[in-house]
Amino acid sequence: MISTVILQAQGNSSMLSTLIPMVLIMVVFYFFMIRPQVKKAKDLKKMVENLKKGDKIVTTAGIHGRIVDMNDTTFLIEVEGGTKIRFDKSAVSLDATKAIAPKEETPKV
């Protein structure tokens, strides 16, 4: 009877010692992999929503252009040479207007 109680206690602690590392791995995975990706996607969506006509952008394909016209789901961008190309809003990867804007210079000491 006593040996059965001891074996059950050992079985529960063995299960607990196996479960704790798995939970820790899942928590680390969430904070280092999932959460940053969700934040990055949210920031990109906000950036695309704030774009307006005349902004310079870079697409995921690496095409640089200036927004000429906007739709609900697409941008019409003008590239070098006056060529106009229509892209889906999800294809925008960078707002080049803000990226190439001159930064405030820090005073040299």
C-alpha atoms as a PDB file:
ATOM      1  CA  MET A   1       0.000   0.000   0.000  1.00  0.00           C
ATOM      2  CA  ILE A   2       2.747   2.441   0.957  1.00  0.00           C
ATOM      3  CA  SER A   3       4.820   1.469  -2.088  1.00  0.00           C
ATOM      4  CA  THR A   4       1.838   2.247  -4.357  1.00  0.00           C
ATOM      5  CA  VAL A   5       1.529   5.761  -2.865  1.00  0.00           C
ATOM      6  CA  ILE A   6       5.274   6.325  -3.300  1.00  0.00           C
ATOM      7  CA  LEU A   7       5.156   5.180  -6.950  1.00  0.00           C
ATOM      8  CA  GLN A   8       2.198   7.488  -7.678  1.00  0.00           C
ATOM      9  CA  ALA A   9       4.035  10.432  -6.116  1.00  0.00           C
ATOM     10  CA  GLN A  10       7.099   9.681  -8.225  1.00  0.00           C
ATOM     11  CA  GLY A  11       4.944   9.442 -11.355  1.00  0.00           C
ATOM     12  CA  ASN A  12       3.370  12.858 -10.719  1.00  0.00           C
ATOM     13  CA  SER A  13       6.728  14.533 -10.118  1.00  0.00           C
ATOM     14  CA  SER A  14       8.140  12.886 -13.238  1.00  0.00           C
ATOM     15  CA  MET A  15       5.224  14.224 -15.295  1.00  0.00           C
ATOM     16  CA  LEU A  16       5.652  17.665 -13.760  1.00  0.00           C
ATOM     17  CA  SER A  17       9.378  17.710 -14.464  1.00  0.00           C
ATOM     18  CA  THR A  18       8.613  16.885 -18.104  1.00  0.00           C
ATOM     19  CA  LEU A  19       5.851  19.468 -18.420  1.00  0.00           C
ATOM     20  CA  ILE A  20       7.779  22.460 -16.988  1.00  0.00           C
ATOM     21  CA  PRO A  21      10.488  22.546 -19.708  1.00  0.00           C
ATOM     22  CA  MET A  22       7.851  22.258 -22.443  1.00  0.00           C
ATOM     23  CA  VAL A  23       5.931  25.222 -21.013  1.00  0.00           C
ATOM     24  CA  LEU A  24       9.147  27.245 -20.726  1.00  0.00           C
ATOM     25  CA  ILE A  25      10.033  26.488 -24.350  1.00  0.00           C
ATOM     26  CA  MET A  26       6.575  27.648 -25.471  1.00  0.00           C
ATOM     27  CA  VAL A  27       6.879  30.901 -23.472  1.00  0.00           C
ATOM     28  CA  VAL A  28      10.341  31.640 -24.900  1.00  0.00           C
ATOM     29  CA  PHE A  29       9.099  30.828 -28.405  1.00  0.00           C
ATOM     30  CA  TYR A  30       6.207  33.260 -27.977  1.00  0.00           C
ATOM     31  CA  PHE A  31       8.331  36.170 -26.721  1.00  0.00           C
ATOM     32  CA  PHE A  32      11.201  35.748 -29.190  1.00  0.00           C
ATOM     33  CA  MET A  33       9.388  34.589 -32.327  1.00  0.00           C
ATOM     34  CA  ILE A  34       5.647  35.238 -32.419  1.00  0.00           C
ATOM     35  CA  ARG A  35       5.292  38.544 -30.573  1.00  0.00           C
ATOM     36  CA  PRO A  36       7.933  40.459 -32.622  1.00  0.00           C
ATOM     37  CA  GLN A  37       6.400  39.249 -35.894  1.00  0.00           C
ATOM     38  CA  VAL A  38       2.924  40.391 -34.844  1.00  0.00           C
ATOM     39  CA  LYS A  39       4.305  43.803 -33.837  1.00  0.00           C
ATOM     40  CA  LYS A  40       6.184  44.155 -37.125  1.00  0.00           C
ATOM     41  CA  ALA A  41       3.061  43.283 -39.145  1.00  0.00           C
ATOM     42  CA  LYS A  42       0.986  45.759 -37.156  1.00  0.00           C
ATOM     43  CA  ASP A  43       3.554  48.548 -37.726  1.00  0.00           C
ATOM     44  CA  LEU A  44       3.703  47.807 -41.464  1.00  0.00           C
ATOM     45  CA  LYS A  45      -0.097  47.901 -41.736  1.00  0.00           C
ATOM     46  CA  LYS A  46      -0.194  51.253 -39.930  1.00  0.00           C
ATOM     47  CA  MET A  47       2.529  52.646 -42.209  1.00  0.00           C
ATOM     48  CA  VAL A  48       0.656  51.566 -45.362  1.00  0.00           C
ATOM     49  CA  GLU A  49      -2.573  53.139 -44.067  1.00  0.00           C
ATOM     50  CA  ASN A  50      -0.790  56.480 -43.530  1.00  0.00           C
ATOM     51  CA  LEU A  51       0.644  56.697 -47.060  1.00  0.00           C
ATOM     52  CA  LYS A  52      -0.682  59.454 -49.320  1.00  0.00           C
ATOM     53  CA  LYS A  53      -0.258  60.690 -52.894  1.00  0.00           C
ATOM     54  CA  GLY A  54       3.251  61.918 -53.605  1.00  0.00           C
ATOM     55  CA  ASP A  55       4.982  59.634 -51.075  1.00  0.00           C
ATOM     56  CA  LYS A  56       7.948  57.678 -52.356  1.00  0.00           C
ATOM     57  CA  ILE A  57       7.761  53.953 -51.653  1.00  0.00           C
ATOM     58  CA  VAL A  58       9.697  50.733 -52.184  1.00  0.00           C
ATOM     59  CA  THR A  59       7.790  47.548 -52.989  1.00  0.00           C
ATOM     60  CA  THR A  60       8.627  44.053 -51.792  1.00  0.00           C
ATOM     61  CA  ALA A  61      10.001  43.409 -55.297  1.00  0.00           C
ATOM     62  CA  GLY A  62      12.443  46.300 -54.818  1.00  0.00           C
ATOM     63  CA  ILE A  63      10.731  48.717 -57.197  1.00  0.00           C
ATOM     64  CA  HIS A  64      11.113  52.372 -56.203  1.00  0.00           C
ATOM     65  CA  GLY A  65       8.369  54.800 -57.153  1.00  0.00           C
ATOM     66  CA  ARG A  66       6.081  57.661 -56.190  1.00  0.00           C
ATOM     67  CA  ILE A  67       2.379  57.187 -55.411  1.00  0.00           C
ATOM     68  CA  VAL A  68       0.236  58.795 -58.124  1.00  0.00           C
ATOM     69  CA  ASP A  69      -3.194  57.358 -57.311  1.00  0.00           C
ATOM     70  CA  MET A  70      -4.724  55.318 -54.507  1.00  0.00           C
ATOM     71  CA  ASN A  71      -7.582  52.837 -54.348  1.00  0.00           C
ATOM     72  CA  ASP A  72      -8.984  50.849 -51.443  1.00  0.00           C
ATOM     73  CA  THR A  73      -6.610  47.961 -52.111  1.00  0.00           C
ATOM     74  CA  THR A  74      -4.071  49.241 -54.673  1.00  0.00           C
ATOM     75  CA  PHE A  75      -1.558  51.994 -55.377  1.00  0.00           C
ATOM     76  CA  LEU A  76      -0.669  53.380 -58.786  1.00  0.00           C
ATOM     77  CA  ILE A  77       3.003  54.260 -58.629  1.00  0.00           C
ATOM     78  CA  GLU A  78       5.126  56.130 -61.119  1.00  0.00           C
ATOM     79  CA  VAL A  79       8.633  54.815 -61.660  1.00  0.00           C
ATOM     80  CA  GLU A  80      11.549  56.380 -63.505  1.00  0.00           C
ATOM     81  CA  GLY A  81      10.747  57.305 -67.091  1.00  0.00           C
ATOM     82  CA  GLY A  82       7.102  58.106 -66.316  1.00  0.00           C
ATOM     83  CA  THR A  83       5.954  54.482 -66.383  1.00  0.00           C
ATOM     84  CA  LYS A  84       2.999  53.798 -64.105  1.00  0.00           C
ATOM     85  CA  ILE A  85       2.484  50.462 -62.395  1.00  0.00           C
ATOM     86  CA  ARG A  86      -0.415  49.347 -60.180  1.00  0.00           C
ATOM     87  CA  PHE A  87       0.524  47.433 -57.024  1.00  0.00           C
ATOM     88  CA  ASP A  88      -1.470  45.894 -54.236  1.00  0.00           C
ATOM     89  CA  LYS A  89      -1.084  47.721 -50.931  1.00  0.00           C
ATOM     90  CA  SER A  90       0.358  44.586 -49.369  1.00  0.00           C
ATOM     91  CA  ALA A  91       3.332  44.831 -51.767  1.00  0.00           C
ATOM     92  CA  VAL A  92       4.639  48.002 -50.103  1.00  0.00           C
ATOM     93  CA  SER A  93       7.602  47.355 -47.844  1.00  0.00           C
ATOM     94  CA  LEU A  94       9.051  50.801 -47.102  1.00  0.00           C
ATOM     95  CA  ASP A  95       8.015  54.431 -47.041  1.00  0.00           C
ATOM     96  CA  ALA A  96      11.090  55.905 -48.729  1.00  0.00           C
ATOM     97  CA  THR A  97       9.906  59.472 -48.135  1.00  0.00           C
ATOM     98  CA  LYS A  98      10.636  59.142 -44.443  1.00  0.00           C
ATOM     99  CA  ALA A  99      13.631  56.843 -44.911  1.00  0.00           C
ATOM    100  CA  ILE A 100      15.562  59.268 -47.133  1.00  0.00           C
ATOM    101  CA  ALA A 101      14.417  62.444 -45.404  1.00  0.00           C
ATOM    102  CA  PRO A 102      17.382  64.346 -43.972  1.00  0.00           C
ATOM    103  CA  LYS A 103      17.834  63.574 -40.329  1.00  0.00           C
ATOM    104  CA  GLU A 104      18.485  66.318 -37.801  1.00  0.00           C
ATOM    105  CA  GLU A 105      22.187  66.640 -37.359  1.00  0.00           C
ATOM    106  CA  THR A 106      23.524  66.261 -33.886  1.00  0.00           C
ATOM    107  CA  PRO A 107      25.828  69.034 -32.723  1.00  0.00           C
ATOM    108  CA  LYS A 108      29.475  68.051 -32.685  1.00  0.00           C
ATOM    109  CA  VAL A 109      31.226  68.556 -29.414  1.00  0.00           C
END
